[in-house]
């Protein structure tokens, strides 16, 4: 199984490989594994960070989608005007 994982791991960008290695080591989360109030505080801060990050990402996604919808609506309006002009031209050439 390891022979299948290593070639896939090598295809990852260097930054991703270092993050995977950092988070997959046995020492990762040692404070949390030790327990206690410090571990609870760390877990709460981590959850808060990821919640904030996810909220920001969703906000950016919504803004991007709003911009895309506005662009598509403008394109629809432009095309409808072009269709109307072509229809008017067809009527005039009869």
Protein backbone atom coordinates (compact mmCIF):
# COMPACT_ATOMS: atom_id res chain seq x y z
CA UNK A 1 0.00 0.00 0.00
CA UNK A 2 2.84 2.36 0.80
CA UNK A 3 4.21 1.95 -2.73
CA UNK A 4 0.91 3.32 -4.07
CA UNK A 5 0.87 6.31 -1.72
CA UNK A 6 4.45 7.53 -2.23
CA UNK A 7 4.17 8.24 -6.01
CA UNK A 8 0.91 10.10 -5.40
CA UNK A 9 2.55 12.06 -2.58
CA UNK A 10 5.46 13.06 -4.81
CA UNK A 11 3.07 14.54 -7.38
CA UNK A 12 1.74 17.03 -4.83
CA UNK A 13 3.21 20.55 -4.81
CA UNK A 14 6.02 21.06 -2.30
CA UNK A 15 3.94 23.33 -0.07
CA UNK A 16 1.16 20.76 0.12
CA UNK A 17 3.64 17.95 0.83
CA UNK A 18 5.12 19.87 3.74
CA UNK A 19 1.65 20.55 5.16
CA UNK A 20 0.69 16.90 4.81
CA UNK A 21 3.90 15.84 6.51
CA UNK A 22 3.44 18.40 9.26
CA UNK A 23 -0.13 17.38 10.04
CA UNK A 24 0.39 13.65 9.69
CA UNK A 25 3.22 13.29 12.18
CA UNK A 26 2.63 11.49 15.46
CA UNK A 27 3.40 14.64 17.43
CA UNK A 28 0.66 16.69 15.77
CA UNK A 29 -1.99 17.57 18.29
CA UNK A 30 0.15 16.53 21.24
CA UNK A 31 -1.28 19.31 23.40
CA UNK A 32 -4.81 18.24 22.61
CA UNK A 33 -3.90 14.61 23.30
CA UNK A 34 -2.57 15.63 26.70
CA UNK A 35 -5.99 17.03 27.60
CA UNK A 36 -6.74 19.66 30.18
CA UNK A 37 -8.03 23.20 29.93
CA UNK A 38 -5.24 24.29 27.60
CA UNK A 39 -6.29 21.61 25.13
CA UNK A 40 -9.89 22.77 25.32
CA UNK A 41 -8.81 26.37 24.75
CA UNK A 42 -6.67 25.35 21.77
CA UNK A 43 -9.55 23.36 20.28
CA UNK A 44 -11.93 26.30 20.73
CA UNK A 45 -9.47 28.69 19.07
CA UNK A 46 -8.93 26.26 16.21
CA UNK A 47 -12.68 25.86 15.69
CA UNK A 48 -13.13 29.63 15.82
CA UNK A 49 -10.36 30.16 13.25
CA UNK A 50 -11.81 27.64 10.80
CA UNK A 51 -15.32 28.98 11.29
CA UNK A 52 -14.08 32.50 10.51
CA UNK A 53 -12.13 31.24 7.50
CA UNK A 54 -15.16 29.38 6.17
CA UNK A 55 -17.37 32.45 6.70
CA UNK A 56 -14.93 34.62 4.75
CA UNK A 57 -14.74 32.07 1.94
CA UNK A 58 -18.53 31.88 1.72
CA UNK A 59 -18.75 35.68 1.65
CA UNK A 60 -16.26 35.85 -1.23
CA UNK A 61 -18.10 33.09 -3.07
CA UNK A 62 -21.43 34.89 -2.70
CA UNK A 63 -19.90 38.14 -3.96
CA UNK A 64 -18.38 36.33 -6.94
CA UNK A 65 -21.69 34.64 -7.76
CA UNK A 66 -23.52 37.96 -7.44
CA UNK A 67 -21.08 39.54 -9.89
CA UNK A 68 -21.48 36.62 -12.30
CA UNK A 69 -25.28 36.89 -12.18
CA UNK A 70 -25.07 40.63 -12.85
CA UNK A 71 -22.76 39.99 -15.82
CA UNK A 72 -25.10 37.34 -17.22
CA UNK A 73 -28.12 39.63 -16.81
CA UNK A 74 -26.29 42.40 -18.66
CA UNK A 75 -25.39 39.94 -21.43
CA UNK A 76 -29.05 38.81 -21.66
CA UNK A 77 -30.18 42.42 -21.94
CA UNK A 78 -27.62 43.11 -24.67
CA UNK A 79 -28.67 40.02 -26.61
CA UNK A 80 -32.37 40.87 -26.29
CA UNK A 81 -31.69 44.33 -27.69
CA UNK A 82 -29.73 42.78 -30.57
CA UNK A 83 -32.62 40.40 -31.27
CA UNK A 84 -35.09 43.29 -31.26
CA UNK A 85 -32.92 45.23 -33.74
CA UNK A 86 -32.68 42.20 -36.04
CA UNK A 87 -36.44 41.64 -35.90
CA UNK A 88 -37.05 45.31 -36.69
CA UNK A 89 -34.63 45.05 -39.64
CA UNK A 90 -36.45 41.93 -40.87
CA UNK A 91 -39.80 43.74 -40.70
CA UNK A 92 -38.43 46.74 -42.62
CA UNK A 93 -37.00 44.57 -45.41
CA UNK A 94 -40.35 42.83 -46.19
